[in-house]
PDB file of N, CA and C in Angstrom:
ATOM      1  N   MET A   1     -15.484 -43.501 -33.933  1.00  0.00           N
ATOM      2  CA  MET A   1     -15.600 -44.428 -32.830  1.00  0.00           C
ATOM      3  C   MET A   1     -14.259 -44.588 -32.120  1.00  0.00           C
ATOM      4  N   ASP A   2     -13.171 -44.557 -32.888  1.00  0.00           N
ATOM      5  CA  ASP A   2     -11.846 -44.695 -32.279  1.00  0.00           C
ATOM      6  C   ASP A   2     -11.549 -43.547 -31.320  1.00  0.00           C
ATOM      7  N   LEU A   3     -11.974 -42.342 -31.681  1.00  0.00           N
ATOM      8  CA  LEU A   3     -11.745 -41.189 -30.810  1.00  0.00           C
ATOM      9  C   LEU A   3     -12.547 -41.318 -29.511  1.00  0.00           C
ATOM     10  N   LEU A   4     -13.766 -41.841 -29.611  1.00  0.00           N
ATOM     11  CA  LEU A   4     -14.584 -42.047 -28.417  1.00  0.00           C
ATOM     12  C   LEU A   4     -13.936 -43.073 -27.495  1.00  0.00           C
ATOM     13  N   GLU A   5     -13.435 -44.163 -28.065  1.00  0.00           N
ATOM     14  CA  GLU A   5     -12.759 -45.175 -27.267  1.00  0.00           C
ATOM     15  C   GLU A   5     -11.511 -44.602 -26.593  1.00  0.00           C
ATOM     16  N   ALA A   6     -10.762 -43.784 -27.315  1.00  0.00           N
ATOM     17  CA  ALA A   6      -9.566 -43.168 -26.743  1.00  0.00           C
ATOM     18  C   ALA A   6      -9.935 -42.236 -25.591  1.00  0.00           C
ATOM     19  N   TYR A   7     -11.016 -41.467 -25.761  1.00  0.00           N
ATOM     20  CA  TYR A   7     -11.471 -40.556 -24.710  1.00  0.00           C
ATOM     21  C   TYR A   7     -11.847 -41.327 -23.448  1.00  0.00           C
ATOM     22  N   ILE A   8     -12.492 -42.468 -23.631  1.00  0.00           N
ATOM     23  CA  ILE A   8     -12.898 -43.294 -22.494  1.00  0.00           C
ATOM     24  C   ILE A   8     -11.662 -43.891 -21.812  1.00  0.00           C
ATOM     25  N   GLN A   9     -10.707 -44.394 -22.601  1.00  0.00           N
ATOM     26  CA  GLN A   9      -9.507 -45.023 -22.046  1.00  0.00           C
ATOM     27  C   GLN A   9      -8.634 -44.030 -21.286  1.00  0.00           C
ATOM     28  N   ILE A  10      -8.440 -42.849 -21.847  1.00  0.00           N
ATOM     29  CA  ILE A  10      -7.573 -41.843 -21.236  1.00  0.00           C
ATOM     30  C   ILE A  10      -8.232 -41.225 -20.017  1.00  0.00           C
ATOM     31  N   GLY A  11      -9.520 -41.054 -20.085  1.00  0.00           N
ATOM     32  CA  GLY A  11     -10.236 -40.366 -19.009  1.00  0.00           C
ATOM     33  C   GLY A  11     -10.430 -38.920 -19.431  1.00  0.00           C
ATOM     34  N   GLY A  12     -11.575 -38.405 -19.165  1.00  0.00           N
ATOM     35  CA  GLY A  12     -11.886 -37.054 -19.605  1.00  0.00           C
ATOM     36  C   GLY A  12     -11.238 -35.992 -18.750  1.00  0.00           C
ATOM     37  N   GLU A  13     -11.396 -34.774 -19.195  1.00  0.00           N
ATOM     38  CA  GLU A  13     -10.804 -33.646 -18.479  1.00  0.00           C
ATOM     39  C   GLU A  13     -11.813 -32.948 -17.568  1.00  0.00           C
ATOM     40  N   TYR A  14     -13.040 -33.465 -17.533  1.00  0.00           N
ATOM     41  CA  TYR A  14     -14.092 -32.837 -16.752  1.00  0.00           C
ATOM     42  C   TYR A  14     -14.461 -33.718 -15.545  1.00  0.00           C
ATOM     43  N   HIS A  15     -15.428 -33.257 -14.802  1.00  0.00           N
ATOM     44  CA  HIS A  15     -15.970 -34.048 -13.689  1.00  0.00           C
ATOM     45  C   HIS A  15     -16.459 -35.387 -14.254  1.00  0.00           C
ATOM     46  N   PRO A  16     -16.291 -36.491 -13.531  1.00  0.00           N
ATOM     47  CA  PRO A  16     -16.684 -37.806 -14.048  1.00  0.00           C
ATOM     48  C   PRO A  16     -18.138 -37.881 -14.533  1.00  0.00           C
ATOM     49  N   LEU A  17     -19.048 -37.175 -13.884  1.00  0.00           N
ATOM     50  CA  LEU A  17     -20.443 -37.195 -14.323  1.00  0.00           C
ATOM     51  C   LEU A  17     -20.615 -36.490 -15.669  1.00  0.00           C
ATOM     52  N   VAL A  18     -19.885 -35.412 -15.868  1.00  0.00           N
ATOM     53  CA  VAL A  18     -19.923 -34.699 -17.151  1.00  0.00           C
ATOM     54  C   VAL A  18     -19.306 -35.578 -18.239  1.00  0.00           C
ATOM     55  N   ASP A  19     -18.195 -36.236 -17.924  1.00  0.00           N
ATOM     56  CA  ASP A  19     -17.581 -37.154 -18.893  1.00  0.00           C
ATOM     57  C   ASP A  19     -18.531 -38.285 -19.268  1.00  0.00           C
ATOM     58  N   LEU A  20     -19.266 -38.789 -18.299  1.00  0.00           N
ATOM     59  CA  LEU A  20     -20.247 -39.832 -18.576  1.00  0.00           C
ATOM     60  C   LEU A  20     -21.328 -39.329 -19.533  1.00  0.00           C
ATOM     61  N   ALA A  21     -21.811 -38.125 -19.302  1.00  0.00           N
ATOM     62  CA  ALA A  21     -22.836 -37.544 -20.178  1.00  0.00           C
ATOM     63  C   ALA A  21     -22.288 -37.338 -21.593  1.00  0.00           C
ATOM     64  N   ILE A  22     -21.064 -36.851 -21.699  1.00  0.00           N
ATOM     65  CA  ILE A  22     -20.439 -36.653 -23.015  1.00  0.00           C
ATOM     66  C   ILE A  22     -20.292 -37.986 -23.736  1.00  0.00           C
ATOM     67  N   THR A  23     -19.802 -38.990 -23.018  1.00  0.00           N
ATOM     68  CA  THR A  23     -19.622 -40.307 -23.616  1.00  0.00           C
ATOM     69  C   THR A  23     -20.955 -40.892 -24.066  1.00  0.00           C
ATOM     70  N   HIS A  24     -21.971 -40.769 -23.235  1.00  0.00           N
ATOM     71  CA  HIS A  24     -23.295 -41.291 -23.581  1.00  0.00           C
ATOM     72  C   HIS A  24     -23.859 -40.585 -24.810  1.00  0.00           C
ATOM     73  N   TYR A  25     -23.723 -39.276 -24.863  1.00  0.00           N
ATOM     74  CA  TYR A  25     -24.220 -38.506 -26.003  1.00  0.00           C
ATOM     75  C   TYR A  25     -23.539 -38.960 -27.298  1.00  0.00           C
ATOM     76  N   HIS A  26     -22.233 -39.087 -27.266  1.00  0.00           N
ATOM     77  CA  HIS A  26     -21.511 -39.494 -28.475  1.00  0.00           C
ATOM     78  C   HIS A  26     -21.844 -40.927 -28.863  1.00  0.00           C
ATOM     79  N   PHE A  27     -22.009 -41.805 -27.893  1.00  0.00           N
ATOM     80  CA  PHE A  27     -22.390 -43.178 -28.205  1.00  0.00           C
ATOM     81  C   PHE A  27     -23.770 -43.218 -28.857  1.00  0.00           C
ATOM     82  N   GLU A  28     -24.697 -42.426 -28.351  1.00  0.00           N
ATOM     83  CA  GLU A  28     -26.054 -42.381 -28.920  1.00  0.00           C
ATOM     84  C   GLU A  28     -26.045 -41.866 -30.356  1.00  0.00           C
ATOM     85  N   THR A  29     -25.184 -40.904 -30.655  1.00  0.00           N
ATOM     86  CA  THR A  29     -25.141 -40.377 -32.023  1.00  0.00           C
ATOM     87  C   THR A  29     -24.502 -41.379 -32.971  1.00  0.00           C
ATOM     88  N   ILE A  30     -23.594 -42.215 -32.461  1.00  0.00           N
ATOM     89  CA  ILE A  30     -22.941 -43.214 -33.298  1.00  0.00           C
ATOM     90  C   ILE A  30     -23.829 -44.446 -33.459  1.00  0.00           C
ATOM     91  N   HIS A  31     -24.458 -44.877 -32.386  1.00  0.00           N
ATOM     92  CA  HIS A  31     -25.187 -46.144 -32.386  1.00  0.00           C
ATOM     93  C   HIS A  31     -26.586 -45.968 -31.758  1.00  0.00           C
ATOM     94  N   PRO A  32     -27.491 -45.290 -32.459  1.00  0.00           N
ATOM     95  CA  PRO A  32     -28.839 -45.136 -31.900  1.00  0.00           C
ATOM     96  C   PRO A  32     -29.644 -46.435 -32.038  1.00  0.00           C
ATOM     97  N   CYS A  33     -30.554 -46.633 -31.129  1.00  0.00           N
ATOM     98  CA  CYS A  33     -31.443 -47.790 -31.161  1.00  0.00           C
ATOM     99  C   CYS A  33     -32.853 -47.256 -30.959  1.00  0.00           C
ATOM    100  N   GLN A  34     -33.682 -47.369 -31.982  1.00  0.00           N
ATOM    101  CA  GLN A  34     -35.010 -46.782 -31.898  1.00  0.00           C
ATOM    102  C   GLN A  34     -35.933 -47.638 -31.042  1.00  0.00           C
ATOM    103  N   MET A  35     -36.574 -46.969 -30.087  1.00  0.00           N
ATOM    104  CA  MET A  35     -37.537 -47.627 -29.212  1.00  0.00           C
ATOM    105  C   MET A  35     -38.945 -47.307 -29.708  1.00  0.00           C
ATOM    106  N   SER A  36     -39.936 -47.764 -28.986  1.00  0.00           N
ATOM    107  CA  SER A  36     -41.312 -47.484 -29.356  1.00  0.00           C
ATOM    108  C   SER A  36     -41.603 -45.990 -29.265  1.00  0.00           C
ATOM    109  N   MET A  37     -42.548 -45.521 -30.011  1.00  0.00           N
ATOM    110  CA  MET A  37     -43.015 -44.134 -30.034  1.00  0.00           C
ATOM    111  C   MET A  37     -41.929 -43.177 -30.529  1.00  0.00           C
ATOM    112  N   GLY A  38     -40.935 -43.684 -31.271  1.00  0.00           N
ATOM    113  CA  GLY A  38     -39.957 -42.821 -31.907  1.00  0.00           C
ATOM    114  C   GLY A  38     -38.824 -42.343 -31.021  1.00  0.00           C
ATOM    115  N   ALA A  39     -38.790 -42.737 -29.769  1.00  0.00           N
ATOM    116  CA  ALA A  39     -37.708 -42.308 -28.885  1.00  0.00           C
ATOM    117  C   ALA A  39     -36.428 -43.057 -29.248  1.00  0.00           C
ATOM    118  N   LEU A  40     -35.282 -42.409 -29.080  1.00  0.00           N
ATOM    119  CA  LEU A  40     -34.001 -43.057 -29.342  1.00  0.00           C
ATOM    120  C   LEU A  40     -33.316 -43.353 -28.013  1.00  0.00           C
ATOM    121  N   ASP A  41     -32.744 -44.547 -27.936  1.00  0.00           N
ATOM    122  CA  ASP A  41     -32.061 -44.928 -26.708  1.00  0.00           C
ATOM    123  C   ASP A  41     -31.141 -46.090 -27.038  1.00  0.00           C
ATOM    124  N   ALA A  42     -30.102 -46.267 -26.266  1.00  0.00           N
ATOM    125  CA  ALA A  42     -29.233 -47.432 -26.424  1.00  0.00           C
ATOM    126  C   ALA A  42     -29.779 -48.540 -25.545  1.00  0.00           C
ATOM    127  N   SER A  43     -30.105 -49.644 -26.165  1.00  0.00           N
ATOM    128  CA  SER A  43     -30.666 -50.771 -25.398  1.00  0.00           C
ATOM    129  C   SER A  43     -29.627 -51.803 -25.124  1.00  0.00           C
TER     130      SER A  43
END
């Protein structure tokens, strides 16, 4: 989690939209929240 926070604070090396997708993916793997029908999402 500390590495993810550092990546967010420093700013990524890619296009901002790609950095957003990377950040979202890593956040989902660290902190998943199960929704109905088995889907995973951060609520």
